[in-house]
Protein backbone atom coordinates (compact mmCIF):
# COMPACT_ATOMS: atom_id res chain seq x y z
CA ASN A 1 66.78 -33.15 101.40
CA MET A 2 67.07 -35.85 104.08
CA VAL A 3 70.26 -34.97 105.97
CA THR A 4 69.72 -33.66 109.50
CA ILE A 5 72.43 -31.48 111.04
CA LYS A 6 73.02 -29.80 114.37
CA PRO A 7 73.83 -26.13 113.72
CA LYS A 8 76.08 -23.86 115.80
CA GLU A 9 73.00 -22.81 117.74
CA GLY A 10 69.38 -23.90 117.96
CA ALA A 11 67.68 -27.20 117.26
CA ALA A 12 68.69 -29.78 114.67
CA HIS A 13 67.23 -29.21 111.21
CA LEU A 14 67.52 -30.42 107.64
CA PHE A 15 70.67 -29.47 105.77
CA ARG A 16 70.46 -26.07 104.10
CA TRP A 17 73.13 -25.02 101.62
CA ASN A 18 75.22 -21.94 102.25
CA PRO A 19 77.24 -20.20 99.48
CA VAL A 20 80.57 -21.67 100.67
CA GLN A 21 79.22 -25.22 100.50
CA ARG A 22 77.67 -24.60 97.08
CA GLU A 23 80.99 -23.34 95.70
CA LEU A 24 82.88 -26.31 97.12
CA HIS A 25 80.28 -28.70 95.71
CA ARG A 26 80.59 -27.06 92.29
CA ARG A 27 84.38 -27.39 92.32
CA LEU A 28 84.36 -31.03 93.45
CA GLU A 29 81.69 -32.05 90.95
CA ARG A 30 83.57 -30.32 88.14
CA GLN A 31 86.76 -32.18 89.04
CA LEU A 32 84.85 -35.46 89.27
CA GLU A 33 83.39 -34.89 85.82
CA LEU A 34 86.75 -33.94 84.28
CA THR A 35 89.02 -36.52 85.93
CA GLY A 36 86.68 -39.25 87.19
CA ARG A 37 87.80 -38.77 90.80
CA VAL A 38 88.29 -36.08 93.45
CA ARG A 39 91.56 -34.88 94.93
CA ALA A 40 91.07 -31.58 96.74
CA ILE A 41 92.99 -29.59 99.33
CA ILE A 42 90.95 -26.85 100.99
CA LEU A 43 92.21 -23.80 102.84
CA LYS A 44 89.37 -22.13 104.70
CA GLY A 45 88.12 -19.78 107.37
CA ARG A 46 86.76 -21.28 110.56
CA GLN A 47 83.30 -22.81 110.78
CA VAL A 48 82.10 -22.10 107.26
CA GLY A 49 80.35 -25.50 106.95
CA ILE A 50 82.96 -27.59 105.14
CA SER A 51 82.95 -30.58 107.53
CA THR A 52 79.15 -30.66 107.46
CA TYR A 53 79.11 -30.73 103.67
CA ILE A 54 81.77 -33.45 103.43
CA ALA A 55 79.94 -35.55 106.04
CA ALA A 56 76.74 -35.36 104.00
CA ARG A 57 78.51 -35.96 100.67
CA PHE A 58 80.37 -39.03 101.88
CA TYR A 59 77.35 -40.51 103.71
CA HIS A 60 75.46 -40.34 100.43
CA LYS A 61 78.30 -42.10 98.60
CA VAL A 62 78.81 -44.76 101.29
CA THR A 63 75.14 -45.71 101.69
CA MET A 64 73.98 -45.44 98.07
CA ASN A 65 76.73 -47.62 96.59
CA LEU A 66 78.28 -51.04 97.18
CA GLY A 67 81.75 -51.38 98.64
CA ASN A 68 82.54 -47.77 99.50
CA ARG A 69 84.63 -47.37 102.62
CA CYS A 70 85.32 -44.00 104.18
CA PHE A 71 88.10 -43.03 106.59
CA ILE A 72 88.05 -39.83 108.66
CA LEU A 73 91.30 -38.58 110.15
CA THR A 74 91.39 -35.53 112.44
CA HIS A 75 94.04 -33.74 114.47
CA GLU A 76 92.69 -34.54 117.95
CA ASP A 77 90.22 -36.81 119.75
CA PRO A 78 87.45 -34.21 120.35
CA ALA A 79 87.43 -33.35 116.65
CA THR A 80 87.19 -37.04 115.76
CA GLN A 81 84.25 -37.50 118.11
CA ASN A 82 82.58 -34.39 116.70
CA LEU A 83 82.92 -35.38 113.03
CA PHE A 84 81.97 -39.01 113.59
CA GLY A 85 79.08 -37.85 115.76
CA MET A 86 77.91 -35.75 112.81
CA VAL A 87 77.93 -38.81 110.55
CA LYS A 88 76.06 -40.89 113.11
CA ARG A 89 73.44 -38.17 113.55
CA ILE A 90 72.89 -38.15 109.79
CA HIS A 91 72.49 -41.93 109.90
CA ASP A 92 70.20 -42.02 112.92
CA LYS A 93 67.91 -39.31 111.55
CA MET A 94 67.77 -40.66 108.00
CA PRO A 95 64.29 -41.79 106.87
CA ALA A 96 63.96 -45.55 107.22
CA ASP A 97 63.71 -46.20 103.48
CA TYR A 98 67.14 -44.61 102.96
CA ARG A 99 68.88 -45.79 106.13
CA PRO A 100 70.81 -49.04 105.63
CA GLN A 101 71.05 -51.51 108.50
CA ASP A 102 74.24 -50.99 110.47
CA THR A 103 75.99 -54.20 111.47
CA SER A 104 78.62 -52.47 113.62
CA ASN A 105 78.23 -49.15 115.39
CA ASN A 106 80.83 -48.06 117.93
CA ALA A 107 83.21 -45.22 118.74
CA ASN A 108 85.58 -46.03 115.88
CA ALA A 109 83.50 -47.69 113.18
CA LEU A 110 80.12 -47.71 111.47
CA GLU A 111 79.65 -50.72 109.21
CA PHE A 112 76.91 -51.60 106.74
CA GLY A 113 77.42 -55.32 106.14
CA GLY A 114 74.77 -55.62 103.45
CA LEU A 115 76.57 -53.01 101.37
CA ASP A 116 80.12 -54.14 102.22
CA ALA A 117 80.61 -50.48 103.14
CA GLY A 118 81.17 -48.27 106.14
CA TYR A 119 83.31 -45.85 108.12
CA LYS A 120 86.41 -45.94 110.26
CA VAL A 121 87.96 -43.01 112.09
CA GLY A 122 91.33 -42.13 113.54
CA THR A 123 93.26 -39.36 115.23
CA SER A 124 96.67 -38.21 114.04
CA GLN A 125 98.01 -37.89 117.58
CA SER A 126 97.22 -41.49 118.55
CA THR A 127 99.29 -43.52 116.10
CA THR A 128 101.40 -43.11 112.98
CA GLY A 129 99.97 -46.26 111.38
CA THR A 130 96.33 -45.21 111.35
CA GLY A 131 94.50 -46.60 108.32
CA ARG A 132 97.68 -47.93 106.71
CA SER A 133 96.38 -51.49 106.17
CA SER A 134 92.96 -50.43 104.88
CA THR A 135 91.62 -49.99 101.37
CA ILE A 136 89.65 -46.75 101.26
CA GLN A 137 87.51 -45.18 98.55
CA LEU A 138 86.68 -41.95 100.42
CA PHE A 139 89.05 -40.05 102.71
CA HIS A 140 88.31 -36.93 104.77
CA GLY A 141 91.38 -35.36 106.35
CA SER A 142 90.27 -32.67 108.80
CA GLU A 143 92.53 -29.83 110.04
CA ALA A 144 95.39 -31.48 108.20
CA ALA A 145 97.75 -28.58 108.93
CA PHE A 146 97.64 -29.61 112.61
CA TRP A 147 98.28 -33.34 112.22
CA ARG A 148 101.01 -34.85 114.34
CA ASN A 149 103.30 -37.18 112.40
CA ALA A 150 101.84 -35.67 109.23
CA SER A 151 104.50 -37.15 106.92
CA ASP A 152 103.72 -40.65 108.21
CA HIS A 153 99.99 -40.16 107.68
CA PHE A 154 100.48 -38.89 104.15
CA ALA A 155 102.68 -41.91 103.45
CA GLY A 156 100.23 -44.28 105.17
CA VAL A 157 96.50 -43.69 105.14
CA MET A 158 96.66 -41.37 102.11
CA GLN A 159 98.23 -44.19 100.11
CA ALA A 160 95.37 -46.51 101.09
CA VAL A 161 93.15 -44.73 98.53
CA PRO A 162 93.66 -46.39 95.13
CA GLU A 163 94.12 -44.43 91.92
CA ALA A 164 90.69 -45.57 90.79
CA PRO A 165 87.58 -43.89 89.37
CA ARG A 166 85.05 -42.45 91.85
CA THR A 167 87.55 -42.34 94.71
CA GLU A 168 87.72 -39.09 96.66
CA VAL A 169 90.33 -37.51 98.92
CA VAL A 170 89.42 -34.21 100.57
CA LEU A 171 91.90 -32.47 102.87
CA GLU A 172 90.72 -29.35 104.66
CA SER A 173 92.27 -27.05 107.23
CA THR A 174 92.87 -23.59 108.51
CA ALA A 175 96.48 -22.44 108.15
CA ASN A 176 99.22 -23.29 110.61
CA GLY A 177 102.23 -21.35 109.42
CA ILE A 178 104.59 -21.58 106.49
CA GLY A 179 106.18 -25.01 106.22
CA GLY A 180 104.97 -28.49 107.06
CA VAL A 181 103.27 -31.13 104.96
CA PHE A 182 99.93 -29.34 104.51
CA TYR A 183 101.62 -26.11 103.41
CA ASP A 184 103.85 -28.04 100.99
CA GLN A 185 100.87 -29.91 99.52
CA TRP A 186 98.90 -26.67 99.18
CA SER A 187 101.81 -24.96 97.43
CA ARG A 188 102.20 -27.85 94.98
CA ALA A 189 98.48 -27.82 94.22
CA GLU A 190 98.52 -24.05 93.61
CA ARG A 191 101.42 -24.48 91.18
CA GLY A 192 99.64 -27.35 89.42
CA ASP A 193 102.36 -29.79 90.43
CA SER A 194 100.04 -32.43 91.92
CA ASP A 195 96.72 -34.19 91.32
CA PHE A 196 95.16 -32.06 94.06
CA GLU A 197 93.09 -28.99 93.30
CA ALA A 198 93.72 -26.06 95.64
CA ILE A 199 90.41 -24.54 96.82
CA PHE A 200 90.38 -21.41 98.98
CA LEU A 201 87.18 -20.44 100.83
CA PRO A 202 87.30 -17.02 102.56
CA TRP A 203 85.25 -16.14 105.61
CA PHE A 204 83.23 -13.37 103.96
CA TRP A 205 81.44 -15.79 101.61
CA LEU A 206 79.40 -16.97 104.61
CA PRO A 207 76.25 -14.80 104.94
CA SER A 208 76.02 -15.26 108.72
CA TYR A 209 79.38 -13.55 109.26
CA ARG A 210 77.86 -10.11 109.56
CA ARG A 211 76.67 -7.89 112.38
CA GLU A 212 74.45 -4.87 112.84
CA VAL A 213 76.33 -1.59 112.56
CA THR A 214 75.72 0.34 115.76
CA GLU A 215 76.50 3.97 116.52
CA ASP A 216 79.34 3.10 118.87
CA ILE A 217 81.41 1.38 116.14
CA GLU A 218 84.05 3.58 114.59
CA PHE A 219 85.90 1.87 111.77
CA SER A 220 89.61 2.57 111.46
CA ALA A 221 91.48 3.48 108.29
CA GLU A 222 92.90 -0.05 108.23
CA GLU A 223 89.42 -1.59 108.39
CA ARG A 224 88.13 0.70 105.63
CA GLU A 225 91.12 -0.29 103.50
CA ILE A 226 90.30 -3.97 104.04
CA GLN A 227 86.68 -3.25 103.14
CA GLN A 228 87.68 -1.60 99.86
CA THR A 229 90.23 -4.26 98.96
CA TYR A 230 87.85 -7.21 99.40
CA GLY A 231 84.52 -5.56 98.64
CA LEU A 232 82.97 -5.98 102.08
CA ASP A 233 79.81 -4.22 103.22
CA ASP A 234 79.50 -2.42 106.56
CA GLU A 235 77.79 -5.35 108.31
CA GLN A 236 80.65 -7.67 107.34
CA LEU A 237 83.10 -5.04 108.53
CA ALA A 238 81.25 -4.77 111.85
CA TRP A 239 81.46 -8.55 112.30
CA MET A 240 85.19 -8.49 111.60
CA HIS A 241 85.64 -5.54 113.99
CA ALA A 242 83.87 -7.40 116.81
CA LYS A 243 85.42 -10.84 116.18
CA ASN A 244 88.92 -9.37 116.03
CA ARG A 245 88.47 -7.82 119.49
CA THR A 246 87.78 -11.27 120.99
CA MET A 247 91.13 -12.65 119.85
CA PRO A 248 94.48 -12.52 121.64
CA GLY A 249 96.29 -9.47 120.35
CA GLY A 250 93.15 -8.00 118.81
CA LYS A 251 92.70 -4.28 119.34
CA PRO A 252 89.88 -2.02 118.15
CA GLY A 253 90.59 -1.09 114.57
CA VAL A 254 93.82 -3.11 114.35
CA ILE A 255 93.30 -6.53 112.78
CA CYS A 256 95.55 -9.02 114.56
CA PRO A 257 97.53 -11.87 112.93
CA LEU A 258 95.37 -14.52 114.62
CA PHE A 259 92.20 -13.17 113.00
CA ARG A 260 93.89 -13.23 109.61
CA GLN A 261 94.95 -16.83 110.19
CA GLU A 262 91.57 -18.08 111.42
CA TYR A 263 89.48 -15.93 109.05
CA PRO A 264 91.72 -15.26 106.04
CA ALA A 265 90.76 -13.20 103.02
CA THR A 266 93.43 -14.80 100.79
CA PRO A 267 95.70 -17.85 100.98
CA VAL A 268 98.75 -15.59 101.22
CA GLU A 269 97.22 -13.84 104.23
CA ALA A 270 96.42 -17.14 105.97
CA PHE A 271 99.93 -18.52 105.78
CA GLN A 272 101.78 -15.24 106.24
CA SER A 273 99.77 -14.22 109.27
CA SER A 274 100.32 -17.53 111.01
CA ALA A 275 104.04 -17.30 110.26
CA GLY A 276 104.54 -14.01 112.13
CA ASP A 277 106.53 -11.09 110.73
CA VAL A 278 106.82 -11.08 106.94
CA LEU A 279 108.61 -8.93 104.41
CA VAL A 280 105.58 -8.14 102.23
CA ASP A 281 102.11 -7.64 103.76
CA SER A 282 99.47 -9.89 102.19
CA MET A 283 97.01 -7.05 101.60
CA ARG A 284 99.65 -5.18 99.57
CA VAL A 285 99.91 -8.31 97.43
CA GLN A 286 96.12 -8.40 96.94
CA GLU A 287 96.04 -4.69 96.05
CA ALA A 288 98.77 -5.20 93.48
CA ARG A 289 96.89 -8.11 91.93
CA SER A 290 93.76 -5.97 91.68
CA ARG A 291 95.45 -3.09 89.88
CA THR A 292 95.65 -2.60 86.13
CA ILE A 293 98.64 -0.65 84.87
CA ASP A 294 98.19 1.60 81.84
CA PRO A 295 100.98 0.55 79.47
CA GLU A 296 101.20 4.08 78.06
CA THR A 297 102.10 5.70 81.37
């Protein structure tokens, strides 16, 4: 009710939930209730509002409790500036009665001395020791599939979060091929072999990813097959048709691998598409999962 955000376009306004954020919130709160802490790894489509939600969630936890320290790690400097800028905007625009006094406010830290709480930020490309010496209660790892020195960061800053109640670790990313630390962690979470919960958030859950269907759009057989497989309406299909054409390799009616990576419909599609040629197409896998075989035939 009091968080101000800067949307993709237009003026800043109070936070308004979208369906993707609501689903993520539900999953995190359920895990918190069941286990007493949060460990989540999120595979997502681009710009569905995950970073905004995590920024608001963690600001609430940092400023409404004593001793909570948050660390944000991103894949590159502009992303770090963007995410930390989001947090600072929330802080600056917060009503005075709910805005704690900051005792340090610079490019890399936001401290609330009276609460013994605050933020620090780092970039995976700058150093392999980022956050290693800290004790952290809340950790946001952004675009973790693109971290440089990912193994070192998982062994360093990730281990700075104690196995204690109310601690939260949220890793989120679009896919970046089969293999690597993020892919391995996602695979373990899907199998149930780790404390992390695997959460997939497809692009078509976001209501704004739709477009008016005009007379000049002619959907291909491939696009109609995708529509049927995932239950899309024509406006969602028109958005996909237009967005695909803006991407390298995107042709009218032929959905390119880059679209499937950046805006996946399933986890299999995200990782397979970013890996290049594969033996089994991800949509065939989804179709097979959706079918029911009559045991008598």
